[in-house]
Amino acid sequence: MMVGSEGVLGVFTEITLRLRPLPRRTITFLAFFDKTTAATDAVFEIVRNGLEPAAIEYLDQRVIKAMSEYKGLGLPNADALILLEMHGIDDHVIDMNERNVEEFW
């Protein structure tokens, strides 16, 4: 709410910043879906089951097609794509992978 209010809604008098170390390991998953609702359900299940992704990106059919054509990627014709990125130390990311993220797709 404060972003863009230009000081009208209030003034910050103290800010605490917590820094985290850079991740030593990153794993990225791509999942293609025939239905948009299946993609959104997968995101819900990932979060509900305690996985803590560093990033979740949703792409619809038009964006998938445009990106595939522009970069010549040959991506499948899908209604939706979810990109999921996990960060952490080696053991933590490997443990998350062993929890079988694919079960949510």
N, C-alpha and C. Protein backbone atom coordinates (compact mmCIF):
# COMPACT_ATOMS: atom_id res chain seq x y z
N MET A 1 0.81 -1.18 0.00
CA MET A 1 0.00 0.00 0.00
C MET A 1 0.87 1.26 0.00
N MET A 2 2.03 1.16 0.60
CA MET A 2 2.91 2.32 0.68
C MET A 2 3.59 2.63 -0.65
N VAL A 3 3.79 1.60 -1.47
CA VAL A 3 4.46 1.80 -2.74
C VAL A 3 3.59 2.69 -3.63
N GLY A 4 4.15 3.76 -4.12
CA GLY A 4 3.43 4.65 -5.00
C GLY A 4 2.60 5.69 -4.29
N SER A 5 2.56 5.68 -2.96
CA SER A 5 1.74 6.66 -2.24
C SER A 5 2.46 7.99 -2.05
N GLU A 6 3.76 8.03 -2.36
CA GLU A 6 4.57 9.25 -2.30
C GLU A 6 4.47 9.94 -0.94
N GLY A 7 4.41 9.15 0.13
CA GLY A 7 4.40 9.70 1.47
C GLY A 7 3.05 10.15 1.97
N VAL A 8 2.01 9.99 1.18
CA VAL A 8 0.67 10.43 1.58
C VAL A 8 0.09 9.52 2.66
N LEU A 9 0.35 8.23 2.59
CA LEU A 9 -0.24 7.28 3.53
C LEU A 9 0.57 7.10 4.80
N GLY A 10 1.79 7.57 4.82
CA GLY A 10 2.63 7.42 6.00
C GLY A 10 4.09 7.59 5.67
N VAL A 11 4.91 7.47 6.71
CA VAL A 11 6.35 7.63 6.57
C VAL A 11 7.03 6.47 7.28
N PHE A 12 8.01 5.87 6.62
CA PHE A 12 8.80 4.82 7.27
C PHE A 12 9.80 5.48 8.21
N THR A 13 9.80 5.07 9.46
CA THR A 13 10.76 5.61 10.42
C THR A 13 11.87 4.63 10.73
N GLU A 14 11.63 3.36 10.46
CA GLU A 14 12.66 2.34 10.69
C GLU A 14 12.39 1.18 9.76
N ILE A 15 13.45 0.66 9.17
CA ILE A 15 13.33 -0.49 8.27
C ILE A 15 14.39 -1.50 8.66
N THR A 16 13.99 -2.75 8.81
CA THR A 16 14.92 -3.83 9.10
C THR A 16 15.07 -4.68 7.85
N LEU A 17 16.30 -4.90 7.45
CA LEU A 17 16.59 -5.66 6.24
C LEU A 17 17.29 -6.95 6.62
N ARG A 18 16.77 -8.06 6.16
CA ARG A 18 17.38 -9.35 6.42
C ARG A 18 17.96 -9.87 5.12
N LEU A 19 19.24 -10.13 5.10
CA LEU A 19 19.92 -10.64 3.90
C LEU A 19 20.10 -12.14 4.02
N ARG A 20 19.92 -12.82 2.92
CA ARG A 20 20.13 -14.26 2.87
C ARG A 20 21.33 -14.53 1.97
N PRO A 21 22.09 -15.58 2.28
CA PRO A 21 23.23 -15.90 1.41
C PRO A 21 22.74 -16.37 0.04
N LEU A 22 23.59 -16.20 -0.97
CA LEU A 22 23.26 -16.69 -2.29
C LEU A 22 23.13 -18.20 -2.27
N PRO A 23 22.17 -18.75 -3.02
CA PRO A 23 22.01 -20.20 -3.02
C PRO A 23 23.20 -20.88 -3.69
N ARG A 24 23.55 -22.05 -3.16
CA ARG A 24 24.64 -22.83 -3.76
C ARG A 24 24.12 -23.76 -4.84
N ARG A 25 22.82 -23.96 -4.86
CA ARG A 25 22.25 -24.91 -5.81
C ARG A 25 20.91 -24.39 -6.32
N THR A 26 20.66 -24.54 -7.59
CA THR A 26 19.40 -24.15 -8.21
C THR A 26 18.91 -25.28 -9.11
N ILE A 27 17.65 -25.61 -8.98
CA ILE A 27 17.03 -26.61 -9.85
C ILE A 27 15.80 -25.96 -10.46
N THR A 28 15.64 -26.10 -11.76
CA THR A 28 14.50 -25.53 -12.46
C THR A 28 13.68 -26.64 -13.10
N PHE A 29 12.38 -26.59 -12.91
CA PHE A 29 11.45 -27.56 -13.48
C PHE A 29 10.54 -26.84 -14.46
N LEU A 30 10.22 -27.50 -15.57
CA LEU A 30 9.22 -27.01 -16.52
C LEU A 30 8.12 -28.05 -16.60
N ALA A 31 6.88 -27.59 -16.56
CA ALA A 31 5.76 -28.51 -16.69
C ALA A 31 4.74 -27.92 -17.66
N PHE A 32 4.33 -28.70 -18.63
CA PHE A 32 3.34 -28.27 -19.62
C PHE A 32 2.00 -28.90 -19.27
N PHE A 33 0.92 -28.12 -19.46
CA PHE A 33 -0.42 -28.58 -19.10
C PHE A 33 -1.38 -28.40 -20.26
N ASP A 34 -2.32 -29.35 -20.38
CA ASP A 34 -3.35 -29.27 -21.41
C ASP A 34 -4.47 -28.30 -21.03
N LYS A 35 -4.59 -28.02 -19.73
CA LYS A 35 -5.63 -27.10 -19.25
C LYS A 35 -5.03 -26.10 -18.27
N THR A 36 -5.49 -24.87 -18.35
CA THR A 36 -5.03 -23.82 -17.43
C THR A 36 -5.35 -24.18 -15.99
N THR A 37 -6.52 -24.75 -15.76
CA THR A 37 -6.90 -25.10 -14.39
C THR A 37 -5.96 -26.14 -13.79
N ALA A 38 -5.45 -27.03 -14.61
CA ALA A 38 -4.49 -28.03 -14.12
C ALA A 38 -3.20 -27.36 -13.66
N ALA A 39 -2.78 -26.33 -14.38
CA ALA A 39 -1.56 -25.59 -14.00
C ALA A 39 -1.77 -24.85 -12.69
N THR A 40 -2.90 -24.17 -12.56
CA THR A 40 -3.14 -23.44 -11.31
C THR A 40 -3.34 -24.40 -10.13
N ASP A 41 -3.95 -25.55 -10.37
CA ASP A 41 -4.09 -26.56 -9.32
C ASP A 41 -2.72 -27.08 -8.88
N ALA A 42 -1.80 -27.25 -9.82
CA ALA A 42 -0.45 -27.72 -9.50
C ALA A 42 0.27 -26.72 -8.61
N VAL A 43 0.16 -25.44 -8.92
CA VAL A 43 0.79 -24.40 -8.09
C VAL A 43 0.21 -24.44 -6.69
N PHE A 44 -1.10 -24.56 -6.58
CA PHE A 44 -1.75 -24.64 -5.27
C PHE A 44 -1.22 -25.82 -4.48
N GLU A 45 -1.11 -26.98 -5.11
CA GLU A 45 -0.63 -28.19 -4.42
C GLU A 45 0.83 -28.06 -3.99
N ILE A 46 1.65 -27.44 -4.81
CA ILE A 46 3.06 -27.24 -4.47
C ILE A 46 3.18 -26.42 -3.19
N VAL A 47 2.47 -25.32 -3.13
CA VAL A 47 2.52 -24.44 -1.96
C VAL A 47 1.86 -25.12 -0.76
N ARG A 48 0.73 -25.78 -0.97
CA ARG A 48 0.00 -26.45 0.11
C ARG A 48 0.83 -27.55 0.77
N ASN A 49 1.68 -28.21 -0.02
CA ASN A 49 2.48 -29.31 0.49
C ASN A 49 3.82 -28.88 1.07
N GLY A 50 4.01 -27.59 1.25
CA GLY A 50 5.19 -27.12 1.97
C GLY A 50 6.43 -26.87 1.15
N LEU A 51 6.39 -27.05 -0.16
CA LEU A 51 7.55 -26.71 -0.96
C LEU A 51 7.67 -25.19 -1.00
N GLU A 52 8.90 -24.70 -0.96
CA GLU A 52 9.13 -23.25 -0.95
C GLU A 52 9.93 -22.85 -2.17
N PRO A 53 9.27 -22.70 -3.31
CA PRO A 53 10.00 -22.34 -4.53
C PRO A 53 10.51 -20.90 -4.46
N ALA A 54 11.66 -20.69 -5.09
CA ALA A 54 12.21 -19.34 -5.19
C ALA A 54 11.44 -18.55 -6.24
N ALA A 55 10.90 -19.25 -7.23
CA ALA A 55 10.14 -18.59 -8.29
C ALA A 55 9.13 -19.56 -8.88
N ILE A 56 7.96 -19.03 -9.20
CA ILE A 56 6.95 -19.76 -9.95
C ILE A 56 6.50 -18.83 -11.07
N GLU A 57 6.60 -19.30 -12.28
CA GLU A 57 6.23 -18.48 -13.44
C GLU A 57 5.16 -19.22 -14.23
N TYR A 58 4.09 -18.53 -14.56
CA TYR A 58 3.01 -19.09 -15.36
C TYR A 58 3.05 -18.46 -16.75
N LEU A 59 2.97 -19.29 -17.79
CA LEU A 59 2.91 -18.79 -19.16
C LEU A 59 1.68 -19.41 -19.83
N ASP A 60 0.90 -18.58 -20.52
CA ASP A 60 -0.27 -19.11 -21.22
C ASP A 60 0.11 -19.55 -22.63
N GLN A 61 -0.86 -20.10 -23.33
CA GLN A 61 -0.62 -20.70 -24.65
C GLN A 61 -0.03 -19.70 -25.64
N ARG A 62 -0.52 -18.47 -25.65
CA ARG A 62 0.00 -17.47 -26.59
C ARG A 62 1.46 -17.14 -26.33
N VAL A 63 1.82 -17.02 -25.07
CA VAL A 63 3.21 -16.70 -24.74
C VAL A 63 4.12 -17.88 -25.04
N ILE A 64 3.67 -19.08 -24.75
CA ILE A 64 4.46 -20.28 -25.05
C ILE A 64 4.74 -20.35 -26.55
N LYS A 65 3.70 -20.15 -27.35
CA LYS A 65 3.86 -20.21 -28.81
C LYS A 65 4.79 -19.12 -29.31
N ALA A 66 4.60 -17.88 -28.84
CA ALA A 66 5.44 -16.77 -29.29
C ALA A 66 6.90 -16.98 -28.90
N MET A 67 7.14 -17.43 -27.70
CA MET A 67 8.50 -17.67 -27.23
C MET A 67 9.15 -18.81 -28.02
N SER A 68 8.39 -19.87 -28.25
CA SER A 68 8.91 -21.01 -28.98
C SER A 68 9.28 -20.63 -30.42
N GLU A 69 8.42 -19.85 -31.07
CA GLU A 69 8.69 -19.43 -32.44
C GLU A 69 9.85 -18.44 -32.51
N TYR A 70 9.89 -17.50 -31.60
CA TYR A 70 10.93 -16.46 -31.62
C TYR A 70 12.32 -17.05 -31.38
N LYS A 71 12.41 -17.97 -30.41
CA LYS A 71 13.71 -18.56 -30.07
C LYS A 71 13.96 -19.90 -30.74
N GLY A 72 12.98 -20.42 -31.49
CA GLY A 72 13.14 -21.72 -32.16
C GLY A 72 13.31 -22.86 -31.17
N LEU A 73 12.53 -22.85 -30.11
CA LEU A 73 12.69 -23.85 -29.04
C LEU A 73 11.96 -25.16 -29.31
N GLY A 74 10.95 -25.14 -30.14
CA GLY A 74 10.19 -26.35 -30.40
C GLY A 74 9.41 -26.84 -29.20
N LEU A 75 8.86 -25.91 -28.42
CA LEU A 75 8.08 -26.29 -27.24
C LEU A 75 6.78 -26.95 -27.65
N PRO A 76 6.26 -27.85 -26.82
CA PRO A 76 5.00 -28.51 -27.15
C PRO A 76 3.84 -27.51 -27.20
N ASN A 77 2.80 -27.88 -27.92
CA ASN A 77 1.60 -27.07 -27.99
C ASN A 77 0.78 -27.35 -26.73
N ALA A 78 0.93 -26.51 -25.73
CA ALA A 78 0.25 -26.70 -24.44
C ALA A 78 -0.58 -25.47 -24.12
N ASP A 79 -1.57 -25.65 -23.27
CA ASP A 79 -2.42 -24.55 -22.86
C ASP A 79 -1.73 -23.68 -21.80
N ALA A 80 -0.83 -24.28 -21.02
CA ALA A 80 -0.15 -23.55 -19.96
C ALA A 80 1.20 -24.18 -19.66
N LEU A 81 2.08 -23.37 -19.13
CA LEU A 81 3.41 -23.82 -18.72
C LEU A 81 3.70 -23.23 -17.35
N ILE A 82 4.22 -24.05 -16.48
CA ILE A 82 4.68 -23.58 -15.17
C ILE A 82 6.18 -23.82 -15.09
N LEU A 83 6.91 -22.77 -14.77
CA LEU A 83 8.35 -22.87 -14.50
C LEU A 83 8.50 -22.73 -13.00
N LEU A 84 9.16 -23.68 -12.38
CA LEU A 84 9.36 -23.70 -10.94
C LEU A 84 10.84 -23.75 -10.66
N GLU A 85 11.33 -22.81 -9.86
CA GLU A 85 12.76 -22.77 -9.54
C GLU A 85 12.94 -22.93 -8.04
N MET A 86 13.83 -23.84 -7.67
CA MET A 86 14.13 -24.10 -6.26
C MET A 86 15.57 -23.69 -5.99
N HIS A 87 15.79 -22.99 -4.88
CA HIS A 87 17.13 -22.57 -4.46
C HIS A 87 17.44 -23.15 -3.10
N GLY A 88 18.72 -23.23 -2.79
CA GLY A 88 19.12 -23.64 -1.45
C GLY A 88 20.51 -24.22 -1.44
N ILE A 89 20.86 -24.76 -0.28
CA ILE A 89 22.12 -25.46 -0.18
C ILE A 89 21.94 -26.83 -0.82
N ASP A 90 23.03 -27.48 -1.16
CA ASP A 90 22.96 -28.74 -1.92
C ASP A 90 21.99 -29.75 -1.33
N ASP A 91 22.14 -30.08 -0.05
CA ASP A 91 21.31 -31.11 0.57
C ASP A 91 19.84 -30.71 0.57
N HIS A 92 19.57 -29.44 0.81
CA HIS A 92 18.18 -28.97 0.88
C HIS A 92 17.49 -29.08 -0.47
N VAL A 93 18.17 -28.66 -1.53
CA VAL A 93 17.57 -28.71 -2.87
C VAL A 93 17.42 -30.16 -3.33
N ILE A 94 18.39 -30.98 -3.03
CA ILE A 94 18.30 -32.40 -3.39
C ILE A 94 17.14 -33.05 -2.66
N ASP A 95 16.95 -32.69 -1.37
CA ASP A 95 15.84 -33.22 -0.59
C ASP A 95 14.51 -32.79 -1.20
N MET A 96 14.40 -31.53 -1.64
CA MET A 96 13.17 -31.06 -2.26
C MET A 96 12.90 -31.82 -3.55
N ASN A 97 13.96 -32.11 -4.30
CA ASN A 97 13.82 -32.86 -5.54
C ASN A 97 13.37 -34.28 -5.25
N GLU A 98 13.89 -34.87 -4.19
CA GLU A 98 13.52 -36.24 -3.83
C GLU A 98 12.08 -36.33 -3.34
N ARG A 99 11.50 -35.19 -2.93
CA ARG A 99 10.08 -35.17 -2.54
C ARG A 99 9.21 -35.32 -3.78
N ASN A 100 9.89 -35.40 -4.93
CA ASN A 100 9.23 -35.66 -6.21
C ASN A 100 8.25 -34.56 -6.59
N VAL A 101 8.82 -33.43 -6.98
CA VAL A 101 8.02 -32.30 -7.43
C VAL A 101 7.11 -32.72 -8.58
N GLU A 102 7.55 -33.68 -9.39
CA GLU A 102 6.75 -34.10 -10.53
C GLU A 102 5.38 -34.63 -10.13
N GLU A 103 5.21 -35.09 -8.90
CA GLU A 103 3.91 -35.61 -8.49
C GLU A 103 2.84 -34.52 -8.52
N PHE A 104 3.24 -33.27 -8.47
CA PHE A 104 2.28 -32.18 -8.50
C PHE A 104 1.85 -31.83 -9.91
N TRP A 105 2.57 -32.29 -10.91
CA TRP A 105 2.22 -31.99 -12.28
C TRP A 105 1.12 -32.93 -12.65
